[in-house]
Amino acid sequence: MPRSPASAHCCCARRGVLAASRRRPPACRRRVPNFLNATGDFMRDLLEHRRLVITITLLYLSQGIPIGIAMDAMPTLLRHDGAPLHALAFLPLVGLPWVVKFLWAPVVDNRWSARIGRRRSWMLPMQCVVVLCLASLAQIGMTVATAGWAVGLLAIASLASATQDIANDGMAAEHFQGGALAKINAIQIAGVMIGFFGGGAGALTLIGLFGQRAAFLALAAVPLASLACVLWLMPRDADRPGTPSAHDASLARFARRPWSLSLLALALLSAMTAVSGFGLSKLFLNDAGWTLDAIGRLGMAGGLVTVVLGCGGGAWLVRRLGLWRAFSAGVSCAGAGALLWFAQANGWLATAPHWVWLCTVLGSLSTGITSVSIMTAGMRFAGSGDQAGTDVTAVQSTRDLGELIASSMMLTLTSKVGYTGGFLAGAALAVLAALIAARLRRREAGRAQWPSGDALA
């Protein structure tokens, strides 16, 4: 039967489409194999070193637990037990070893037992200290009456965790190279963050369900498992000595480089902005009548958003928008969340679950996005010099210092002017950080490199 011109045209069009599809696969079909290949390469690298990867993952996970208890769970628990706000301002000082750990890092690298191993010589005793501190905390409990003992135990555990982190980072840097090292760094960030949220929001949830003793014993099982891995699972060749540096690194050299102080200011402000929302919100909700179990579940959900959407979204935003635009987007989320908390504390908005969850999501996204952005900036800055370790450590320590300052400052400020003043200060910090990021973005316009070859953009 002869075909009409229309049907013939459709037939030719179908042939053209089929021929084109044979010549060039659709975009979705082209991308899937690349994604699967990348995922397969990622898993192959990890499986090849699975014993060491499992050990390192548990070590990083256990490192975040003591500081999470001290900075996140303890203020809420003591406030729930009747402690005044001004008495909680000193609790973040438990995290001081993480800020100043660079002072004894050379000792960890230079002093070790040849019989035990370079990194095991520090990991084994430090993990034992953490396990004993958490087990002792489970015995005495965390109340206003035992607050002094609890702070002392957590300070010792924090010191041990910070010291172990030096050995753990050194082992990872010595054993992994190239793309594998980047994957281990991803595990490090996720592990420490999950450990922090587990020690904070996770502890509150477990305490609300099973009590303090069971909760702290459950948390002590994590460093106990990592201790077992260091003893029996970690390969012996992971303890081989590293190659000494050919140059003397110094913080003075970092400070003399162009734009280093602006980078430190952003690291400080981004950490302070994040803490001002997360820390105060839990105390505000406790005073608003929320149960510890509900606050813990909210914090756990926020931690999940930070790890999955905040960090993943931060990497995507850096690629799509650029470094400082992504950072500005992160601090904008923090500022919006702080203003919503301010509106609830001031009575303009009801402290309803939907507003609380919105504020939590905004704060969680901000934490992940700003962390990825500022550490990407730090890595790029360090990569253009000849003392990458010192430069990155300076940025990391500054972020830790920002968290420490913000935790103490916000509690002190809130005890004087109330929650409205604390949340408003958090919004002001977000605006200041966004202004500095905008200044750096304008300075980078039309430049591929910093002066003297310091590439950041």
Protein backbone atom coordinates (compact mmCIF):
# COMPACT_ATOMS: atom_id res chain seq x y z
CA MET A 1 0.00 0.00 0.00
CA PRO A 2 1.52 3.39 -0.93
CA ARG A 3 2.24 5.65 2.03
CA SER A 4 1.08 9.22 2.33
CA PRO A 5 3.70 12.01 2.29
CA ALA A 6 3.11 12.57 5.99
CA SER A 7 3.72 8.92 6.87
CA ALA A 8 6.81 8.84 4.66
CA HIS A 9 8.11 11.94 6.40
CA CYS A 10 7.53 10.35 9.82
CA CYS A 11 9.29 7.18 8.68
CA CYS A 12 12.31 9.16 7.51
CA ALA A 13 12.32 11.10 10.75
CA ARG A 14 12.26 7.85 12.74
CA ARG A 15 15.16 6.50 10.69
CA GLY A 16 17.08 9.70 11.31
CA VAL A 17 16.45 9.50 15.04
CA LEU A 18 17.46 5.84 15.14
CA ALA A 19 20.61 6.54 13.15
CA ALA A 20 21.50 9.43 15.42
CA SER A 21 20.92 7.27 18.46
CA ARG A 22 23.29 4.66 17.03
CA ARG A 23 25.94 7.27 16.29
CA ARG A 24 25.75 9.07 19.64
CA PRO A 25 24.25 7.54 22.82
CA PRO A 26 21.98 9.76 24.89
CA ALA A 27 23.63 11.86 27.59
CA CYS A 28 22.12 9.78 30.39
CA ARG A 29 23.46 6.59 28.78
CA ARG A 30 26.92 8.12 28.47
CA ARG A 31 27.04 9.34 32.05
CA VAL A 32 25.95 6.15 33.78
CA PRO A 33 29.06 4.10 32.85
CA ASN A 34 31.34 6.98 33.91
CA PHE A 35 29.57 7.21 37.26
CA LEU A 36 29.74 3.44 37.72
CA ASN A 37 33.42 3.41 36.76
CA ALA A 38 34.19 6.18 39.25
CA THR A 39 32.27 4.36 41.97
CA GLY A 40 34.03 1.11 41.10
CA ASP A 41 37.46 2.77 41.24
CA PHE A 42 36.58 4.30 44.61
CA MET A 43 35.52 0.94 46.06
CA ARG A 44 38.50 -0.90 44.56
CA ASP A 45 40.97 1.48 46.19
CA LEU A 46 39.27 1.07 49.56
CA LEU A 47 38.92 -2.71 49.29
CA GLU A 48 42.59 -3.03 48.36
CA HIS A 49 43.50 -1.50 51.74
CA ARG A 50 40.35 -2.60 53.58
CA ARG A 51 42.10 -3.56 56.84
CA LEU A 52 43.75 -0.17 57.17
CA VAL A 53 40.64 1.67 55.94
CA ILE A 54 38.44 -0.01 58.57
CA THR A 55 40.95 0.86 61.28
CA ILE A 56 41.29 4.49 60.20
CA THR A 57 37.52 4.89 59.89
CA LEU A 58 36.91 3.67 63.44
CA LEU A 59 39.76 5.83 64.76
CA TYR A 60 38.33 8.98 63.20
CA LEU A 61 34.84 8.03 64.38
CA SER A 62 36.04 7.59 67.97
CA GLN A 63 37.95 10.90 67.91
CA GLY A 64 34.77 12.94 67.53
CA ILE A 65 32.86 11.33 70.41
CA PRO A 66 34.50 13.00 73.47
CA ILE A 67 34.35 16.48 71.97
CA GLY A 68 30.75 15.89 70.89
CA ILE A 69 29.78 14.96 74.45
CA ALA A 70 31.57 17.98 75.93
CA MET A 71 30.45 20.65 73.47
CA ASP A 72 27.01 19.40 72.49
CA ALA A 73 25.50 16.99 75.03
CA MET A 74 26.97 18.22 78.32
CA PRO A 75 25.59 21.80 78.22
CA THR A 76 22.09 20.47 77.53
CA LEU A 77 22.33 17.80 80.24
CA LEU A 78 23.60 20.22 82.89
CA ARG A 79 21.05 22.85 81.91
CA HIS A 80 18.34 20.19 82.17
CA ASP A 81 19.65 19.42 85.67
CA GLY A 82 19.33 23.08 86.68
CA ALA A 83 22.75 24.59 85.97
CA PRO A 84 22.73 28.36 85.25
CA LEU A 85 23.80 29.52 81.78
CA HIS A 86 26.89 31.38 82.99
CA ALA A 87 28.20 28.16 84.56
CA LEU A 88 28.17 26.45 81.15
CA ALA A 89 30.36 29.02 79.41
CA PHE A 90 33.62 27.24 80.34
CA LEU A 91 32.60 23.81 79.00
CA PRO A 92 33.87 24.40 75.43
CA LEU A 93 37.39 24.77 76.85
CA VAL A 94 37.44 20.96 76.84
CA GLY A 95 38.14 21.29 73.10
CA LEU A 96 41.28 23.38 73.66
CA PRO A 97 43.69 20.47 72.88
CA TRP A 98 42.33 20.37 69.32
CA VAL A 99 43.23 24.03 68.87
CA VAL A 100 46.81 23.78 70.17
CA LYS A 101 47.72 20.21 69.18
CA PHE A 102 50.25 21.54 66.66
CA LEU A 103 52.47 22.37 69.65
CA TRP A 104 53.26 18.71 70.40
CA ALA A 105 52.89 17.24 66.91
CA PRO A 106 56.72 16.98 66.48
CA VAL A 107 56.90 14.89 69.65
CA VAL A 108 54.40 12.40 68.22
CA ASP A 109 56.45 12.14 65.03
CA ASN A 110 59.84 11.83 66.76
CA ARG A 111 59.14 9.70 69.87
CA TRP A 112 57.99 6.10 69.41
CA SER A 113 58.85 2.51 70.21
CA ALA A 114 60.45 0.46 67.44
CA ARG A 115 59.03 -2.72 68.96
CA ILE A 116 55.43 -1.49 69.05
CA GLY A 117 55.47 0.61 65.90
CA ARG A 118 55.65 4.30 65.08
CA ARG A 119 51.91 5.01 65.05
CA ARG A 120 50.77 2.18 67.30
CA SER A 121 53.03 3.61 70.02
CA TRP A 122 50.63 6.54 70.32
CA MET A 123 47.34 5.03 69.17
CA LEU A 124 47.25 2.21 71.72
CA PRO A 125 47.72 4.28 74.91
CA MET A 126 45.53 7.14 73.66
CA GLN A 127 42.63 4.83 72.79
CA CYS A 128 42.95 3.12 76.18
CA VAL A 129 42.69 6.54 77.85
CA VAL A 130 39.53 7.41 75.88
CA VAL A 131 37.87 4.08 76.73
CA LEU A 132 38.67 4.47 80.44
CA CYS A 133 37.39 8.06 80.52
CA LEU A 134 34.06 7.17 78.89
CA ALA A 135 33.63 4.11 81.11
CA SER A 136 34.32 6.26 84.20
CA LEU A 137 31.82 8.84 82.97
CA ALA A 138 29.21 6.08 82.73
CA GLN A 139 29.86 5.21 86.38
CA ILE A 140 29.67 8.71 87.90
CA GLY A 141 26.99 10.17 85.59
CA MET A 142 26.70 13.76 84.40
CA THR A 143 24.85 16.02 86.83
CA VAL A 144 25.49 19.38 88.45
CA ALA A 145 26.97 17.54 91.46
CA THR A 146 29.46 15.55 89.33
CA ALA A 147 30.12 18.27 86.73
CA GLY A 148 33.71 18.85 87.88
CA TRP A 149 34.67 15.19 87.54
CA ALA A 150 32.84 14.91 84.21
CA VAL A 151 34.64 17.94 82.77
CA GLY A 152 38.00 16.55 83.93
CA LEU A 153 37.37 13.15 82.33
CA LEU A 154 36.26 14.70 79.05
CA ALA A 155 39.25 17.06 79.03
CA ILE A 156 41.61 14.07 79.37
CA ALA A 157 39.70 12.19 76.66
CA SER A 158 39.87 15.24 74.38
CA LEU A 159 43.64 15.53 74.91
CA ALA A 160 44.08 11.84 74.10
CA SER A 161 41.88 12.09 70.98
CA ALA A 162 43.72 15.15 69.68
CA THR A 163 47.08 13.44 70.20
CA GLN A 164 45.86 10.29 68.49
CA ASP A 165 44.63 12.41 65.58
CA ILE A 166 48.22 13.49 64.90
CA ALA A 167 49.33 9.85 64.65
CA ASN A 168 46.28 8.89 62.60
CA ASP A 169 46.77 11.71 60.09
CA GLY A 170 50.47 10.90 59.84
CA MET A 171 49.77 7.24 59.12
CA ALA A 172 47.20 8.11 56.46
CA ALA A 173 49.57 10.57 54.77
CA GLU A 174 52.42 8.04 54.79
CA HIS A 175 50.38 5.09 53.53
CA PHE A 176 48.03 6.65 50.95
CA GLN A 177 48.93 8.79 47.95
CA GLY A 178 47.20 10.55 45.09
CA GLY A 179 43.51 9.80 44.65
CA ALA A 180 43.49 7.29 47.50
CA LEU A 181 44.60 10.00 49.94
CA ALA A 182 41.68 12.21 48.86
CA LYS A 183 39.27 9.35 49.56
CA ILE A 184 40.76 8.80 53.01
CA ASN A 185 40.36 12.52 53.71
CA ALA A 186 36.68 12.20 52.80
CA ILE A 187 36.40 9.33 55.29
CA GLN A 188 38.17 11.48 57.88
CA ILE A 189 35.72 14.39 57.57
CA ALA A 190 32.67 12.14 57.63
CA GLY A 191 34.03 10.00 60.47
CA VAL A 192 34.85 12.88 62.81
CA MET A 193 31.55 14.63 62.08
CA ILE A 194 29.54 11.46 62.66
CA GLY A 195 31.46 10.85 65.88
CA PHE A 196 30.75 14.41 67.02
CA PHE A 197 27.03 14.13 66.33
CA GLY A 198 26.99 10.68 67.90
CA GLY A 199 28.59 12.04 71.08
CA GLY A 200 26.24 15.03 71.09
CA ALA A 201 22.78 14.39 69.66
CA GLY A 202 23.29 10.62 69.75
CA ALA A 203 24.15 10.70 73.44
CA LEU A 204 21.06 12.80 74.21
CA THR A 205 18.86 10.35 72.32
CA LEU A 206 20.35 7.30 74.07
CA ILE A 207 20.11 8.99 77.47
CA GLY A 208 16.47 9.84 76.85
CA LEU A 209 15.75 6.20 75.98
CA PHE A 210 18.06 4.14 78.22
CA GLY A 211 19.71 6.46 80.76
CA GLN A 212 23.20 7.91 81.10
CA ARG A 213 25.07 4.76 82.10
CA ALA A 214 23.92 2.70 79.12
CA ALA A 215 24.45 5.64 76.75
CA PHE A 216 28.06 6.33 77.75
CA LEU A 217 28.95 2.62 77.79
CA ALA A 218 27.54 2.30 74.27
CA LEU A 219 29.68 5.23 73.13
CA ALA A 220 32.75 3.69 74.81
CA ALA A 221 32.31 0.63 72.59
CA VAL A 222 33.44 2.66 69.54
CA PRO A 223 36.99 3.47 70.76
CA LEU A 224 37.15 -0.06 72.19
CA ALA A 225 36.47 -1.43 68.69
CA SER A 226 39.09 0.86 67.15
CA LEU A 227 41.57 -0.27 69.83
CA ALA A 228 40.97 -3.89 68.80
CA CYS A 229 41.54 -2.95 65.15
CA VAL A 230 44.84 -1.22 65.97
CA LEU A 231 45.97 -4.33 67.86
CA TRP A 232 44.93 -7.08 65.45
CA LEU A 233 43.60 -5.71 62.15
CA MET A 234 45.91 -2.87 61.13
CA PRO A 235 48.77 -4.03 58.83
CA ARG A 236 52.26 -3.86 60.26
CA ASP A 237 53.63 -1.95 57.26
CA ALA A 238 51.33 0.98 58.09
CA ASP A 239 53.81 1.88 60.87
CA ARG A 240 56.76 2.54 58.59
CA PRO A 241 58.61 5.84 59.28
CA GLY A 242 57.92 8.79 57.04
CA THR A 243 60.44 10.84 55.05
CA PRO A 244 61.67 13.95 56.91
CA SER A 245 60.83 17.33 55.35
CA ALA A 246 63.53 19.17 53.43
CA HIS A 247 62.27 22.60 54.54
CA ASP A 248 61.54 24.19 57.89
CA ALA A 249 57.86 25.16 57.97
CA SER A 250 56.64 27.97 60.21
CA LEU A 251 53.47 29.85 61.01
CA ALA A 252 55.33 33.12 60.38
CA ARG A 253 55.83 32.16 56.74
CA PHE A 254 52.12 31.40 56.49
CA ALA A 255 51.21 34.79 57.95
CA ARG A 256 53.48 36.63 55.49
CA ARG A 257 51.76 35.17 52.43
CA PRO A 258 49.17 37.37 50.66
CA TRP A 259 45.58 36.92 51.80
CA SER A 260 46.46 34.44 54.55
CA LEU A 261 44.88 36.60 57.27
CA SER A 262 41.66 37.01 55.26
CA LEU A 263 41.50 33.23 54.90
CA LEU A 264 41.96 32.79 58.65
CA ALA A 265 39.28 35.39 59.34
CA LEU A 266 36.80 33.48 57.18
CA ALA A 267 37.72 30.19 58.85
CA LEU A 268 37.15 31.78 62.26
CA LEU A 269 33.86 33.46 61.35
CA SER A 270 32.39 30.45 59.53
CA ALA A 271 32.96 28.25 62.58
CA MET A 272 31.56 30.87 64.96
CA THR A 273 28.47 31.32 62.78
CA ALA A 274 27.76 27.59 62.71
CA VAL A 275 28.20 27.12 66.47
CA SER A 276 26.05 30.13 67.35
CA GLY A 277 23.03 28.43 65.82
CA PHE A 278 23.62 24.80 66.77
CA GLY A 279 24.72 25.37 70.35
CA LEU A 280 22.13 27.93 71.41
CA SER A 281 19.22 26.21 69.68
CA LYS A 282 19.42 23.11 71.90
CA LEU A 283 19.48 25.21 75.08
CA PHE A 284 16.61 27.33 73.77
CA LEU A 285 14.51 24.25 72.99
CA ASN A 286 15.28 22.76 76.42
CA ASP A 287 14.05 25.94 78.10
CA ALA A 288 11.02 25.92 75.78
CA GLY A 289 9.98 22.54 77.22
CA TRP A 290 11.27 20.10 74.61
CA THR A 291 12.34 16.68 75.92
CA LEU A 292 15.95 15.48 75.69
CA ASP A 293 14.84 12.67 73.40
CA ALA A 294 13.20 15.11 70.98
CA ILE A 295 16.22 17.44 71.03
CA GLY A 296 18.50 14.47 70.40
CA ARG A 297 16.47 13.26 67.42
CA LEU A 298 16.49 16.77 65.99
CA GLY A 299 20.27 16.95 66.36
CA MET A 300 20.79 13.55 64.76
CA ALA A 301 18.66 14.57 61.79
CA GLY A 302 20.64 17.78 61.51
CA GLY A 303 23.89 15.83 61.55
CA LEU A 304 22.65 13.62 58.74
CA VAL A 305 21.74 16.69 56.68
CA THR A 306 25.21 18.14 57.33
CA VAL A 307 27.10 15.02 56.27
CA VAL A 308 24.98 14.05 53.25
CA LEU A 309 23.45 17.25 51.87
CA GLY A 310 25.71 19.92 53.38
CA CYS A 311 29.07 18.40 52.44
CA GLY A 312 27.84 16.89 49.17
CA GLY A 313 25.96 20.05 48.25
CA GLY A 314 28.96 22.15 49.22
CA ALA A 315 31.21 20.31 46.78
CA TRP A 316 28.58 20.71 44.05
CA LEU A 317 28.16 24.42 44.77
CA VAL A 318 31.92 25.03 44.66
CA ARG A 319 32.01 23.48 41.18
CA ARG A 320 28.91 25.31 39.94
CA LEU A 321 29.21 28.73 41.59
CA GLY A 322 32.86 29.07 42.51
CA LEU A 323 34.56 29.03 45.87
CA TRP A 324 33.43 32.27 47.47
CA ARG A 325 29.92 32.29 46.02
CA ALA A 326 29.41 28.83 47.51
CA PHE A 327 30.79 30.06 50.84
CA SER A 328 28.43 33.05 50.74
CA ALA A 329 25.50 30.71 50.07
CA GLY A 330 26.49 28.69 53.15
CA VAL A 331 26.74 31.65 55.52
CA SER A 332 23.48 33.01 54.07
CA CYS A 333 21.77 29.81 55.21
CA ALA A 334 23.30 30.32 58.66
CA GLY A 335 22.13 33.93 58.80
CA ALA A 336 18.59 33.02 57.74
CA GLY A 337 18.45 30.26 60.35
CA ALA A 338 19.72 32.59 63.08
CA LEU A 339 17.09 35.20 62.21
CA LEU A 340 14.33 32.58 62.37
CA TRP A 341 15.60 31.44 65.80
CA PHE A 342 15.63 35.12 66.85
CA ALA A 343 12.01 35.50 65.73
CA GLN A 344 10.99 32.47 67.80
CA ALA A 345 12.93 33.63 70.87
CA ASN A 346 11.35 37.09 70.54
CA GLY A 347 7.85 35.66 70.28
CA TRP A 348 7.23 36.76 66.70
CA LEU A 349 7.02 33.13 65.60
CA ALA A 350 5.73 30.17 67.60
CA THR A 351 8.29 27.54 68.61
CA ALA A 352 6.50 25.04 66.42
CA PRO A 353 8.06 21.88 64.98
CA HIS A 354 7.97 23.12 61.38
CA TRP A 355 9.91 26.29 62.23
CA VAL A 356 12.37 24.34 64.38
CA TRP A 357 13.01 21.81 61.61
CA LEU A 358 13.46 24.57 59.03
CA CYS A 359 16.04 26.31 61.24
CA THR A 360 17.83 23.01 61.82
CA VAL A 361 18.01 22.22 58.10
CA LEU A 362 19.34 25.71 57.31
CA GLY A 363 21.99 25.45 60.02
CA SER A 364 23.01 21.95 58.95
CA LEU A 365 23.34 22.97 55.30
CA SER A 366 25.40 25.97 56.35
CA THR A 367 27.80 23.86 58.41
CA GLY A 368 28.47 21.45 55.55
CA ILE A 369 28.72 24.04 52.77
CA THR A 370 30.99 26.44 54.67
CA SER A 371 33.22 23.59 55.88
CA VAL A 372 33.74 22.28 52.34
CA SER A 373 34.27 25.78 50.94
CA ILE A 374 36.75 27.02 53.52
CA MET A 375 38.77 23.80 53.55
CA THR A 376 38.85 23.80 49.74
CA ALA A 377 40.21 27.34 49.94
CA GLY A 378 42.76 26.21 52.52
CA MET A 379 43.89 23.27 50.40
CA ARG A 380 44.28 25.43 47.29
CA PHE A 381 46.16 28.06 49.26
CA ALA A 382 48.46 25.45 50.78
CA GLY A 383 49.03 23.69 47.46
CA SER A 384 50.57 26.81 45.94
CA GLY A 385 53.27 26.97 48.63
CA ASP A 386 55.97 24.67 49.99
CA GLN A 387 54.58 24.04 53.51
CA ALA A 388 51.17 22.55 52.81
CA GLY A 389 50.88 20.75 56.15
CA THR A 390 51.50 23.88 58.21
CA ASP A 391 49.17 26.00 56.08
CA VAL A 392 46.27 23.53 56.25
CA THR A 393 46.79 23.01 59.99
CA ALA A 394 46.64 26.78 60.50
CA VAL A 395 43.23 26.89 58.81
CA GLN A 396 41.96 23.83 60.71
CA SER A 397 43.15 25.14 64.08
CA THR A 398 41.57 28.52 63.38
CA ARG A 399 38.23 26.83 62.70
CA ASP A 400 38.54 24.89 65.96
CA LEU A 401 39.40 28.13 67.75
CA GLY A 402 36.33 29.77 66.23
CA GLU A 403 34.10 26.99 67.55
CA LEU A 404 35.69 27.31 70.99
CA ILE A 405 35.32 31.10 71.13
CA ALA A 406 31.76 31.05 69.83
CA SER A 407 30.60 28.39 72.28
CA SER A 408 31.88 30.34 75.29
CA MET A 409 31.01 33.79 73.95
CA MET A 410 27.45 32.92 72.95
CA LEU A 411 26.66 31.32 76.30
CA THR A 412 28.07 34.33 78.16
CA LEU A 413 26.21 36.76 75.90
CA THR A 414 22.95 34.81 76.21
CA SER A 415 23.20 34.78 80.00
CA LYS A 416 23.40 38.60 79.89
CA VAL A 417 20.94 39.58 77.15
CA GLY A 418 18.88 36.44 76.56
CA TYR A 419 18.44 34.15 73.59
CA THR A 420 17.36 37.00 71.30
CA GLY A 421 20.74 38.70 71.66
CA GLY A 422 22.62 35.44 71.12
CA PHE A 423 20.77 34.56 67.91
CA LEU A 424 21.05 38.13 66.62
CA ALA A 425 24.81 38.01 67.18
CA GLY A 426 24.95 34.82 65.11
CA ALA A 427 23.17 36.58 62.25
CA ALA A 428 25.63 39.48 62.49
CA LEU A 429 28.59 37.07 62.25
CA ALA A 430 27.06 35.56 59.11
CA VAL A 431 26.76 39.01 57.51
CA LEU A 432 30.38 39.83 58.39
CA ALA A 433 31.63 36.56 56.90
CA ALA A 434 29.62 37.17 53.71
CA LEU A 435 31.13 40.66 53.37
CA ILE A 436 34.69 39.34 53.67
CA ALA A 437 33.95 36.60 51.13
CA ALA A 438 32.52 39.22 48.75
CA ARG A 439 35.68 41.30 49.16
CA LEU A 440 37.86 38.33 48.27
CA ARG A 441 35.65 37.49 45.31
CA ARG A 442 36.01 41.05 43.96
CA ARG A 443 39.78 40.92 44.39
CA GLU A 444 39.89 37.65 42.48
CA ALA A 445 37.88 38.99 39.53
CA GLY A 446 39.97 38.71 36.39
CA ARG A 447 42.82 36.89 38.16
CA ALA A 448 43.81 33.28 37.79
CA GLN A 449 46.36 33.44 40.61
CA TRP A 450 47.10 35.31 43.77
CA PRO A 451 50.16 37.58 43.87
CA SER A 452 53.38 35.60 44.23
CA GLY A 453 51.66 32.56 42.76
CA ASP A 454 49.23 31.92 45.60
CA ALA A 455 46.37 30.26 43.74
CA LEU A 456 43.04 30.27 45.52
CA ALA A 457 40.48 30.63 42.77
